[in-house]
């Protein structure tokens, strides 16, 4: 799997969600960076977030964020 700019933007957006509080959402404003707006649209289409402009993590999104958190912890410099 190749890490494209689009995939990296999606991962970066997912890191902004707080998996410890599922009632805490995220709003992607219309004047946000175009890459973040597009990442939100893709994550919504993939079923990871509840709204095209952010919203809340779905159960699939929560699973993805937890896995991402694990990977980032493993890769973090000692």
Protein backbone atom coordinates (compact mmCIF):
# COMPACT_ATOMS: atom_id res chain seq x y z
CA UNK A 1 0.00 0.00 0.00
CA UNK A 2 1.36 3.37 -1.03
CA UNK A 3 0.91 6.41 1.21
CA UNK A 4 -0.64 8.98 -1.10
CA UNK A 5 -1.20 12.62 -0.17
CA UNK A 6 -4.92 11.87 0.02
CA UNK A 7 -4.41 8.97 2.44
CA UNK A 8 -2.07 11.04 4.61
CA UNK A 9 -4.68 13.84 4.77
CA UNK A 10 -7.32 11.31 5.86
CA UNK A 11 -5.03 9.94 8.56
CA UNK A 12 -4.20 13.45 9.76
CA UNK A 13 -7.89 14.30 9.97
CA UNK A 14 -8.61 11.13 11.93
CA UNK A 15 -5.94 12.08 14.48
CA UNK A 16 -7.96 15.20 15.30
CA UNK A 17 -10.82 13.13 16.73
CA UNK A 18 -10.80 12.19 20.41
CA UNK A 19 -11.53 8.44 20.63
CA UNK A 20 -11.84 8.72 24.42
CA UNK A 21 -14.98 10.87 24.12
CA UNK A 22 -17.37 9.77 21.37
CA UNK A 23 -19.64 12.75 22.12
CA UNK A 24 -16.86 15.13 21.02
CA UNK A 25 -17.18 15.84 17.33
CA UNK A 26 -15.27 17.81 14.76
CA UNK A 27 -16.30 20.52 12.29
CA UNK A 28 -14.43 21.05 9.04
CA UNK A 29 -15.15 24.65 8.07
CA UNK A 30 -15.69 25.64 4.45
CA UNK A 31 -12.54 27.77 4.54
CA UNK A 32 -10.34 24.93 5.82
CA UNK A 33 -7.48 23.67 3.67
CA UNK A 34 -8.89 22.04 0.52
CA UNK A 35 -7.02 18.82 1.35
CA UNK A 36 -8.84 18.60 4.73
CA UNK A 37 -12.24 19.34 3.16
CA UNK A 38 -11.66 16.61 0.58
CA UNK A 39 -10.38 14.21 3.26
CA UNK A 40 -13.58 14.75 5.22
CA UNK A 41 -15.66 13.98 2.15
CA UNK A 42 -13.72 10.75 1.55
CA UNK A 43 -13.93 9.66 5.20
CA UNK A 44 -17.69 10.27 5.15
CA UNK A 45 -18.04 8.26 1.92
CA UNK A 46 -16.07 5.43 3.55
CA UNK A 47 -18.38 5.47 6.56
CA UNK A 48 -15.80 6.60 9.12
CA UNK A 49 -17.43 9.93 10.08
CA UNK A 50 -21.08 10.88 10.43
CA UNK A 51 -21.10 14.06 8.33
CA UNK A 52 -19.35 15.18 5.17
CA UNK A 53 -17.94 18.14 7.12
CA UNK A 54 -16.87 16.16 10.18
CA UNK A 55 -19.45 15.29 12.76
CA UNK A 56 -18.69 12.28 14.92
CA UNK A 57 -16.78 9.08 14.46
CA UNK A 58 -18.90 6.12 13.43
CA UNK A 59 -18.18 2.77 15.05
CA UNK A 60 -15.95 1.97 12.06
CA UNK A 61 -14.25 5.34 12.44
CA UNK A 62 -13.66 4.72 16.14
CA UNK A 63 -12.05 1.38 15.31
CA UNK A 64 -9.84 3.08 12.71
CA UNK A 65 -8.76 5.83 15.12
CA UNK A 66 -7.91 3.27 17.81
CA UNK A 67 -5.80 1.30 15.32
CA UNK A 68 -4.16 4.49 14.08
CA UNK A 69 -3.35 5.49 17.65
CA UNK A 70 -1.68 2.10 18.17
CA UNK A 71 0.43 2.45 15.02
CA UNK A 72 1.48 5.98 15.93
CA UNK A 73 2.44 4.85 19.44
CA UNK A 74 4.57 2.02 18.04
CA UNK A 75 6.30 4.33 15.57
CA UNK A 76 6.87 7.18 18.04
CA UNK A 77 10.57 7.80 18.65
CA UNK A 78 11.86 6.39 21.94
